[in-house]
Amino acid sequence: MLGIQVVETRKKVLGGEHPDTLTSMNNLAFTQKSQGNFEDALALMRDCLHLRQQILGPDHPHTISSRTALSTWTERAREMTQ
């Protein structure tokens, strides 16, 4: 998948904690979710959120966006299993 290649390339070139790498991780998580890969999407978004909180801070708009997505996805996953 192209999204995975983009994330891996950004990690190699920019580093795993670079904001652009985190944006690619976030985008890949959304792609995985839209393709029905909920477990992979949730795991990647958890990683992305954790890094964004550390690097950008808890109040940065990108961090808030990731937190909101993860919360929404987690709730939907719970609803689907009930």
Protein backbone atom coordinates (compact mmCIF):
# COMPACT_ATOMS: atom_id res chain seq x y z
CA MET A 1 0.00 0.00 0.00
CA LEU A 2 1.27 3.41 -0.97
CA GLY A 3 0.36 4.97 2.38
CA ILE A 4 2.60 2.55 4.24
CA GLN A 5 5.47 3.34 1.88
CA VAL A 6 4.97 7.06 2.46
CA VAL A 7 5.09 6.64 6.24
CA GLU A 8 8.19 4.43 6.07
CA THR A 9 9.97 6.85 3.73
CA ARG A 10 9.16 9.83 5.93
CA LYS A 11 10.44 7.95 8.99
CA LYS A 12 13.73 7.25 7.20
CA VAL A 13 14.15 10.74 5.75
CA LEU A 14 12.60 12.99 8.40
CA GLY A 15 12.53 10.77 11.48
CA GLY A 16 9.69 9.08 13.30
CA GLU A 17 8.83 12.14 15.37
CA HIS A 18 8.77 14.76 12.62
CA PRO A 19 5.39 16.52 12.31
CA ASP A 20 5.16 15.60 8.61
CA THR A 21 5.73 11.93 9.47
CA LEU A 22 2.95 12.15 12.04
CA THR A 23 0.64 13.69 9.45
CA SER A 24 1.35 10.76 7.15
CA MET A 25 0.62 8.33 9.98
CA ASN A 26 -2.65 10.13 10.67
CA ASN A 27 -3.61 10.01 6.99
CA LEU A 28 -2.76 6.32 6.76
CA ALA A 29 -4.93 5.59 9.78
CA PHE A 30 -7.87 7.32 8.09
CA THR A 31 -7.22 5.34 4.90
CA GLN A 32 -7.09 2.07 6.81
CA LYS A 33 -10.35 2.91 8.55
CA SER A 34 -12.07 3.77 5.28
CA GLN A 35 -10.95 0.40 3.89
CA GLY A 36 -12.45 -1.42 6.87
CA ASN A 37 -9.16 -2.18 8.63
CA PHE A 38 -10.42 -0.90 11.99
CA GLU A 39 -7.89 -2.68 14.20
CA ASP A 40 -4.92 -1.42 12.18
CA ALA A 41 -6.42 2.06 12.00
CA LEU A 42 -7.01 2.19 15.76
CA ALA A 43 -3.50 0.97 16.54
CA LEU A 44 -1.88 3.48 14.19
CA MET A 45 -4.02 6.35 15.47
CA ARG A 46 -3.09 5.46 19.07
CA ASP A 47 0.59 5.64 18.11
CA CYS A 48 0.08 8.88 16.22
CA LEU A 49 -1.82 10.47 19.11
CA HIS A 50 0.82 9.42 21.63
CA LEU A 51 3.59 10.97 19.53
CA ARG A 52 1.62 14.11 18.76
CA GLN A 53 0.93 14.65 22.46
CA GLN A 54 4.65 14.37 23.21
CA ILE A 55 5.90 16.45 20.30
CA LEU A 56 3.17 18.98 19.57
CA GLY A 57 1.53 19.10 22.99
CA PRO A 58 -1.97 18.18 24.11
CA ASP A 59 -3.60 21.41 22.93
CA HIS A 60 -2.21 21.51 19.38
CA PRO A 61 -4.96 21.31 16.72
CA HIS A 62 -3.40 18.20 15.13
CA THR A 63 -3.27 16.46 18.51
CA ILE A 64 -6.89 17.36 19.19
CA SER A 65 -7.89 16.06 15.76
CA SER A 66 -6.17 12.72 16.39
CA ARG A 67 -7.69 12.47 19.87
CA THR A 68 -11.17 13.15 18.49
CA ALA A 69 -10.79 10.59 15.71
CA LEU A 70 -9.50 7.93 18.09
CA SER A 71 -12.33 8.57 20.52
CA THR A 72 -14.96 8.39 17.79
CA TRP A 73 -13.47 5.25 16.25
CA THR A 74 -13.18 3.53 19.61
CA GLU A 75 -16.83 4.24 20.35
CA ARG A 76 -17.90 2.95 16.94
CA ALA A 77 -15.83 -0.20 17.41
CA ARG A 78 -17.60 -0.82 20.73
CA GLU A 79 -20.99 -0.33 19.09
CA MET A 80 -20.10 -2.78 16.33
CA THR A 81 -19.21 -5.51 18.81
CA GLN A 82 -22.44 -5.20 20.78
